[in-house]
Amino acid sequence: MNATGSPDILSLSRQARDIAAANRDLTRASTEMATGVQEDVVAAAGGDPSRLYAIERDLSRVEARSTTLTLAQTRSTATQSALNSIQTFASEIGVDLAASAELKNIGAAERRAAGARSAFEGVVSALNARVGDRSIFAGADAAGPAVASADDILADVQARVAGATTAVDVVNIVEDYFFTDPAGYAASGYLGSINDAPEVDLGEGRRIDASLRADDQAVRTTLAALAMSVVAVENDASALNEGERLDVFERSSLLALEATERVIDARSRIGDAEARIEVGVVQNSAEGAFLEAARSAIVARDPFEAATEFTALETRLQSVFAVTARLSSLTLTSFLR
């Protein structure tokens, strides 16, 4: 039998445990040094992490609100851009037609009104603008388009106007379609919800409506003004004499000018909402910074202390490895030398 001085099993087991513990501590110190955050947040909170959890809950709320506010900013900017286009279309038709109608110049009026269909299409395109996958003028039902196609709406209006022989008839039919008839624009033109889009959460219980639906009076008035010019130009001209057509153009121009004012008022309201959203963004950011500072005060790890501990643990692990290596190589012969 060979006599050996090999270390006993208990010594090796103790050394293995020391190595494992040192490795865990070294990994923890390395992580804390890299992240600046203590790994054991319960210990960092003095054994009572309730305040820390409350801070993290508030931080999650702030982050969610930040996403909402960013989306609201994007939507309000897109809304303003669309309304600017609508205002331009309404203003140009209104001013030009008003001058021609006042001068009783049917040729000039018809030339001005010839662009009404293109303007109508431009308004419809602006109303169907989207931010991401959401329609901005469709109210609460933002998945689909806000309004039907320009061709479909105008075809509906023209079918109703067909056969009208006086300016009064044309004006009443067009206005009835856009303003009063529940089976008109409200049913077949506007495709969105009768409910507004959700209000924007500004924080601290403050909410604001930053949306506009395509069935708003400003939108209806714009569409009615342009559609009135379209039917006066495109429908059977023989049904209305020059005087009647001038009367239709005059009413169209007045509606367009009224629409311009209404759109300006809508833009002012959206602009006020934009300003309040911007304030909300700043306040939400400040709250987030405060909460981050409060969280750091609890769980932050000083990088110098973490680096010092890491170096000490590394030295300790090297020592444990050295001792283990020496124990593993011990024999009776080497011990007696």
Protein backbone atom coordinates (compact mmCIF):
# COMPACT_ATOMS: atom_id res chain seq x y z
CA MET A 1 0.00 0.00 0.00
CA ASN A 2 1.23 3.43 -0.91
CA ALA A 3 1.08 6.02 1.86
CA THR A 4 -0.03 9.44 0.72
CA GLY A 5 -0.49 12.79 2.34
CA SER A 6 -3.38 13.86 0.11
CA PRO A 7 -5.73 16.42 1.64
CA ASP A 8 -8.90 14.97 3.11
CA ILE A 9 -12.28 15.28 1.42
CA LEU A 10 -13.52 17.90 3.90
CA SER A 11 -10.61 20.22 3.09
CA LEU A 12 -11.24 19.97 -0.65
CA SER A 13 -14.97 20.48 -0.17
CA ARG A 14 -14.29 23.59 1.91
CA GLN A 15 -11.97 24.93 -0.72
CA ALA A 16 -14.57 24.33 -3.45
CA ARG A 17 -17.16 26.24 -1.45
CA ASP A 18 -14.71 29.09 -0.94
CA ILE A 19 -14.03 29.22 -4.68
CA ALA A 20 -17.75 29.23 -5.53
CA ALA A 21 -18.47 31.98 -3.01
CA ALA A 22 -15.56 34.06 -4.24
CA ASN A 23 -16.73 33.63 -7.82
CA ARG A 24 -20.27 34.77 -6.91
CA ASP A 25 -18.98 37.80 -5.05
CA LEU A 26 -16.63 38.65 -7.91
CA THR A 27 -19.46 38.43 -10.46
CA ARG A 28 -21.69 40.62 -8.25
CA ALA A 29 -18.96 43.23 -7.77
CA SER A 30 -18.24 43.22 -11.51
CA THR A 31 -21.93 43.77 -12.32
CA GLU A 32 -22.30 46.53 -9.72
CA MET A 33 -19.14 48.21 -11.01
CA ALA A 34 -20.55 48.16 -14.58
CA THR A 35 -24.13 49.19 -13.77
CA GLY A 36 -23.62 51.41 -10.75
CA VAL A 37 -26.54 49.61 -9.05
CA GLN A 38 -26.41 47.30 -6.06
CA GLU A 39 -27.47 43.77 -6.89
CA ASP A 40 -29.28 43.12 -3.61
CA VAL A 41 -31.87 45.90 -3.65
CA VAL A 42 -33.60 44.59 -0.52
CA ALA A 43 -30.38 44.94 1.45
CA ALA A 44 -29.77 48.33 -0.17
CA ALA A 45 -33.20 49.44 1.04
CA GLY A 46 -32.37 48.45 4.59
CA GLY A 47 -34.51 45.33 4.47
CA ASP A 48 -37.71 47.28 3.63
CA PRO A 49 -37.99 47.73 -0.13
CA SER A 50 -41.56 49.15 -0.07
CA ARG A 51 -40.38 52.71 -0.76
CA LEU A 52 -38.13 51.49 -3.57
CA TYR A 53 -40.99 49.53 -5.13
CA ALA A 54 -43.23 52.59 -4.88
CA ILE A 55 -40.60 54.66 -6.69
CA GLU A 56 -40.23 52.05 -9.42
CA ARG A 57 -44.02 51.91 -9.83
CA ASP A 58 -44.09 55.69 -10.25
CA LEU A 59 -41.22 55.48 -12.73
CA SER A 60 -43.18 52.96 -14.81
CA ARG A 61 -46.16 55.35 -14.77
CA VAL A 62 -43.94 58.25 -15.87
CA GLU A 63 -42.43 56.18 -18.69
CA ALA A 64 -45.90 55.17 -19.92
CA ARG A 65 -47.07 58.77 -19.82
CA SER A 66 -43.95 59.83 -21.72
CA THR A 67 -44.90 57.48 -24.54
CA THR A 68 -48.46 58.85 -24.54
CA LEU A 69 -47.27 62.45 -24.57
CA THR A 70 -44.82 61.81 -27.40
CA LEU A 71 -47.61 60.26 -29.47
CA ALA A 72 -49.90 63.18 -28.60
CA GLN A 73 -47.25 65.63 -29.78
CA THR A 74 -46.91 63.78 -33.07
CA ARG A 75 -50.68 63.62 -33.55
CA SER A 76 -51.23 67.30 -32.76
CA THR A 77 -48.45 68.30 -35.16
CA ALA A 78 -50.00 66.14 -37.89
CA THR A 79 -53.43 67.62 -37.11
CA GLN A 80 -52.09 71.15 -37.46
CA SER A 81 -50.43 70.29 -40.75
CA ALA A 82 -53.65 68.80 -42.13
CA LEU A 83 -55.73 71.76 -40.93
CA ASN A 84 -53.25 74.15 -42.53
CA SER A 85 -53.84 72.42 -45.88
CA ILE A 86 -57.62 72.51 -45.39
CA GLN A 87 -57.49 76.18 -44.48
CA THR A 88 -55.49 76.94 -47.62
CA PHE A 89 -57.97 75.13 -49.88
CA ALA A 90 -60.95 76.87 -48.30
CA SER A 91 -59.33 80.31 -48.28
CA GLU A 92 -58.21 80.22 -51.91
CA ILE A 93 -61.61 79.14 -53.24
CA GLY A 94 -63.46 81.55 -50.96
CA VAL A 95 -61.48 84.68 -51.79
CA ASP A 96 -61.32 84.03 -55.54
CA LEU A 97 -64.97 83.10 -55.92
CA ALA A 98 -66.18 85.97 -53.77
CA ALA A 99 -64.44 88.51 -56.01
CA SER A 100 -65.77 86.93 -59.22
CA ALA A 101 -69.31 86.56 -57.92
CA GLU A 102 -69.38 90.15 -56.69
CA LEU A 103 -68.36 91.34 -60.15
CA LYS A 104 -71.04 89.08 -61.71
CA ASN A 105 -68.32 87.61 -63.92
CA ILE A 106 -69.58 84.10 -64.68
CA GLY A 107 -66.53 83.19 -66.77
CA ALA A 108 -64.08 84.14 -64.03
CA ALA A 109 -66.21 82.39 -61.41
CA GLU A 110 -66.30 79.17 -63.41
CA ARG A 111 -62.56 79.31 -63.94
CA ARG A 112 -62.01 79.76 -60.22
CA ALA A 113 -64.48 76.99 -59.37
CA ALA A 114 -62.85 74.62 -61.85
CA GLY A 115 -60.27 73.83 -59.19
CA ALA A 116 -62.92 72.94 -56.59
CA ARG A 117 -62.79 69.19 -57.27
CA SER A 118 -59.02 69.12 -56.87
CA ALA A 119 -59.35 71.15 -53.67
CA PHE A 120 -62.07 68.78 -52.40
CA GLU A 121 -59.77 65.82 -53.05
CA GLY A 122 -56.98 67.60 -51.20
CA VAL A 123 -59.20 68.19 -48.18
CA VAL A 124 -60.31 64.55 -48.12
CA SER A 125 -56.68 63.42 -48.35
CA ALA A 126 -55.77 65.67 -45.42
CA LEU A 127 -58.70 64.31 -43.39
CA ASN A 128 -57.53 60.75 -43.95
CA ALA A 129 -54.03 61.50 -42.66
CA ARG A 130 -52.65 58.90 -40.24
CA VAL A 131 -50.04 58.76 -37.52
CA GLY A 132 -48.66 55.25 -37.52
CA ASP A 133 -51.65 52.97 -37.83
CA ARG A 134 -54.19 55.46 -36.45
CA SER A 135 -56.38 57.91 -38.34
CA ILE A 136 -56.18 61.33 -36.69
CA PHE A 137 -59.63 62.66 -37.68
CA ALA A 138 -61.72 59.53 -37.04
CA GLY A 139 -62.32 60.06 -33.33
CA ALA A 140 -62.29 57.00 -31.08
CA ASP A 141 -62.50 54.60 -34.04
CA ALA A 142 -59.05 55.33 -35.44
CA ALA A 143 -58.39 52.04 -37.23
CA GLY A 144 -60.03 52.95 -40.54
CA PRO A 145 -60.22 56.10 -42.68
CA ALA A 146 -61.99 59.17 -41.33
CA VAL A 147 -63.97 59.91 -44.50
CA ALA A 148 -65.04 58.17 -47.69
CA SER A 149 -63.23 58.89 -50.94
CA ALA A 150 -63.72 62.26 -52.60
CA ASP A 151 -65.25 60.59 -55.65
CA ASP A 152 -67.81 58.71 -53.55
CA ILE A 153 -68.88 61.78 -51.57
CA LEU A 154 -69.16 63.99 -54.66
CA ALA A 155 -71.07 61.30 -56.57
CA ASP A 156 -73.56 61.14 -53.69
CA VAL A 157 -73.99 64.92 -53.70
CA GLN A 158 -74.29 65.14 -57.49
CA ALA A 159 -76.95 62.42 -57.53
CA ARG A 160 -79.02 64.44 -55.07
CA VAL A 161 -78.55 67.69 -56.98
CA ALA A 162 -79.41 66.20 -60.38
CA GLY A 163 -82.51 67.88 -61.75
CA ALA A 164 -82.34 70.94 -59.47
CA THR A 165 -83.30 74.04 -61.50
CA THR A 166 -82.66 76.89 -59.09
CA ALA A 167 -79.73 78.09 -57.04
CA VAL A 168 -81.84 77.82 -53.90
CA ASP A 169 -82.49 74.14 -54.63
CA VAL A 170 -78.80 73.39 -55.21
CA VAL A 171 -77.72 75.27 -52.10
CA ASN A 172 -80.37 73.64 -49.90
CA ILE A 173 -79.61 70.13 -51.17
CA VAL A 174 -75.84 70.47 -50.66
CA GLU A 175 -76.19 72.05 -47.24
CA ASP A 176 -78.78 69.49 -46.19
CA TYR A 177 -76.40 66.68 -47.18
CA PHE A 178 -73.49 68.03 -45.12
CA PHE A 179 -75.29 69.63 -42.17
CA THR A 180 -78.72 68.21 -41.38
CA ASP A 181 -79.60 64.99 -43.20
CA PRO A 182 -78.73 62.00 -40.94
CA ALA A 183 -78.52 59.90 -44.10
CA GLY A 184 -76.13 62.33 -45.77
CA TYR A 185 -72.50 63.04 -44.91
CA ALA A 186 -73.01 61.81 -41.33
CA ALA A 187 -73.90 58.36 -42.64
CA SER A 188 -71.95 57.86 -45.86
CA GLY A 189 -69.25 60.52 -45.85
CA TYR A 190 -67.88 60.46 -42.32
CA LEU A 191 -66.64 56.96 -41.45
CA GLY A 192 -65.20 57.55 -38.01
CA SER A 193 -66.69 57.38 -34.52
CA ILE A 194 -69.17 59.83 -33.04
CA ASN A 195 -66.98 59.72 -29.92
CA ASP A 196 -63.79 61.74 -29.58
CA ALA A 197 -60.36 60.18 -29.38
CA PRO A 198 -59.18 59.62 -25.77
CA GLU A 199 -57.99 62.73 -24.00
CA VAL A 200 -54.29 63.17 -23.33
CA ASP A 201 -53.11 62.49 -19.77
CA LEU A 202 -50.95 65.43 -18.72
CA GLY A 203 -50.35 64.07 -15.22
CA GLU A 204 -51.67 65.07 -11.78
CA GLY A 205 -55.23 64.42 -12.88
CA ARG A 206 -55.05 66.88 -15.78
CA ARG A 207 -56.36 65.77 -19.17
CA ILE A 208 -56.88 67.62 -22.43
CA ASP A 209 -58.69 67.00 -25.70
CA ALA A 210 -56.18 67.46 -28.53
CA SER A 211 -58.22 65.91 -31.32
CA LEU A 212 -60.65 66.99 -34.04
CA ARG A 213 -63.12 64.76 -35.85
CA ALA A 214 -63.89 64.93 -39.56
CA ASP A 215 -67.54 65.57 -38.75
CA ASP A 216 -66.63 68.85 -37.02
CA GLN A 217 -68.52 71.89 -38.25
CA ALA A 218 -65.33 73.42 -39.66
CA VAL A 219 -64.75 70.34 -41.80
CA ARG A 220 -68.38 70.06 -42.93
CA THR A 221 -68.46 73.71 -43.92
CA THR A 222 -65.27 73.36 -45.96
CA LEU A 223 -66.53 70.27 -47.76
CA ALA A 224 -69.95 71.86 -48.40
CA ALA A 225 -68.38 74.98 -49.88
CA LEU A 226 -66.18 73.03 -52.26
CA ALA A 227 -68.86 70.50 -53.21
CA MET A 228 -71.23 73.35 -54.04
CA SER A 229 -68.77 74.74 -56.56
CA VAL A 230 -68.11 71.29 -58.00
CA VAL A 231 -71.79 70.62 -58.77
CA ALA A 232 -72.28 74.12 -60.16
CA VAL A 233 -69.43 73.56 -62.61
CA GLU A 234 -69.82 69.87 -63.42
CA ASN A 235 -73.56 69.19 -63.35
CA ASP A 236 -75.79 69.91 -66.35
CA ALA A 237 -75.13 73.58 -66.98
CA SER A 238 -78.40 74.02 -68.82
CA ALA A 239 -80.34 73.35 -65.62
CA LEU A 240 -79.15 76.67 -64.17
CA ASN A 241 -78.84 79.95 -66.00
CA GLU A 242 -75.84 82.22 -65.47
CA GLY A 243 -77.53 84.19 -62.73
CA GLU A 244 -78.44 81.04 -60.83
CA ARG A 245 -74.92 79.67 -61.15
CA LEU A 246 -73.49 82.96 -59.92
CA ASP A 247 -75.79 82.73 -56.89
CA VAL A 248 -74.47 79.21 -56.20
CA PHE A 249 -70.89 80.42 -56.55
CA GLU A 250 -71.58 83.32 -54.23
CA ARG A 251 -73.02 81.04 -51.57
CA SER A 252 -70.08 78.68 -52.07
CA SER A 253 -67.62 81.53 -51.57
CA LEU A 254 -69.38 82.68 -48.37
CA LEU A 255 -69.30 79.14 -46.99
CA ALA A 256 -65.61 78.85 -47.88
CA LEU A 257 -64.82 82.09 -46.07
CA GLU A 258 -66.85 80.90 -43.07
CA ALA A 259 -65.00 77.59 -43.21
CA THR A 260 -61.68 79.42 -43.16
CA GLU A 261 -62.64 81.16 -39.92
CA ARG A 262 -63.86 77.93 -38.38
CA VAL A 263 -60.66 76.10 -39.31
CA ILE A 264 -58.59 78.94 -37.84
CA ASP A 265 -60.56 78.59 -34.59
CA ALA A 266 -59.96 74.82 -34.62
CA ARG A 267 -56.24 75.34 -35.19
CA SER A 268 -56.16 77.76 -32.28
CA ARG A 269 -57.72 75.16 -30.00
CA ILE A 270 -55.28 72.49 -31.18
CA GLY A 271 -52.44 74.97 -30.74
CA ASP A 272 -53.48 75.57 -27.14
CA ALA A 273 -53.52 71.81 -26.60
CA GLU A 274 -50.05 71.54 -28.17
CA ALA A 275 -48.69 74.12 -25.74
CA ARG A 276 -50.18 72.31 -22.76
CA ILE A 277 -48.83 68.98 -23.99
CA GLU A 278 -45.36 70.54 -24.25
CA VAL A 279 -45.65 71.71 -20.64
CA GLY A 280 -46.75 68.19 -19.71
CA VAL A 281 -43.68 66.74 -21.43
CA VAL A 282 -41.36 69.04 -19.45
CA GLN A 283 -43.10 68.32 -16.15
CA ASN A 284 -43.16 64.57 -16.78
CA SER A 285 -39.46 64.63 -17.62
CA ALA A 286 -38.72 66.54 -14.41
CA GLU A 287 -40.75 64.04 -12.36
CA GLY A 288 -38.87 61.18 -13.99
CA ALA A 289 -35.52 62.78 -13.16
CA PHE A 290 -36.59 63.28 -9.53
CA LEU A 291 -37.71 59.66 -9.20
CA GLU A 292 -34.51 58.39 -10.80
CA ALA A 293 -32.50 60.41 -8.31
CA ALA A 294 -34.57 59.03 -5.41
CA ARG A 295 -34.07 55.47 -6.70
CA SER A 296 -30.33 56.02 -7.14
CA ALA A 297 -30.07 57.28 -3.57
CA ILE A 298 -31.26 53.85 -2.44
CA VAL A 299 -29.67 51.39 -4.85
CA ALA A 300 -26.71 53.23 -6.38
CA ARG A 301 -23.27 51.71 -5.90
CA ASP A 302 -20.25 53.99 -5.71
CA PRO A 303 -18.02 52.99 -8.67
CA PHE A 304 -14.79 53.52 -6.67
CA GLU A 305 -16.02 51.29 -3.84
CA ALA A 306 -17.20 48.68 -6.33
CA ALA A 307 -13.81 48.71 -8.08
CA THR A 308 -11.99 48.41 -4.75
CA GLU A 309 -14.13 45.45 -3.70
CA PHE A 310 -13.65 43.84 -7.10
CA THR A 311 -9.86 44.07 -6.79
CA ALA A 312 -9.94 42.63 -3.26
CA LEU A 313 -12.19 39.76 -4.32
CA GLU A 314 -9.96 39.02 -7.30
CA THR A 315 -6.93 38.80 -5.00
CA ARG A 316 -8.89 36.59 -2.61
CA LEU A 317 -9.92 34.24 -5.42
CA GLN A 318 -6.33 33.98 -6.65
CA SER A 319 -5.23 33.09 -3.10
CA VAL A 320 -7.89 30.41 -2.79
CA PHE A 321 -6.81 28.91 -6.12
CA ALA A 322 -3.16 28.92 -4.97
CA VAL A 323 -3.98 27.17 -1.70
CA THR A 324 -6.14 24.62 -3.47
CA ALA A 325 -3.39 23.90 -5.95
CA ARG A 326 -0.87 23.35 -3.16
CA LEU A 327 -3.23 21.05 -1.26
CA SER A 328 -3.94 19.03 -4.39
CA SER A 329 -0.23 18.42 -4.99
CA LEU A 330 0.63 17.30 -1.45
CA THR A 331 1.97 13.74 -0.99
CA LEU A 332 3.78 12.09 1.91
CA THR A 333 7.01 12.16 -0.08
CA SER A 334 6.76 15.87 -0.86
CA PHE A 335 5.75 16.56 2.74
CA LEU A 336 8.86 14.77 4.12
CA ARG A 337 11.27 16.61 1.85
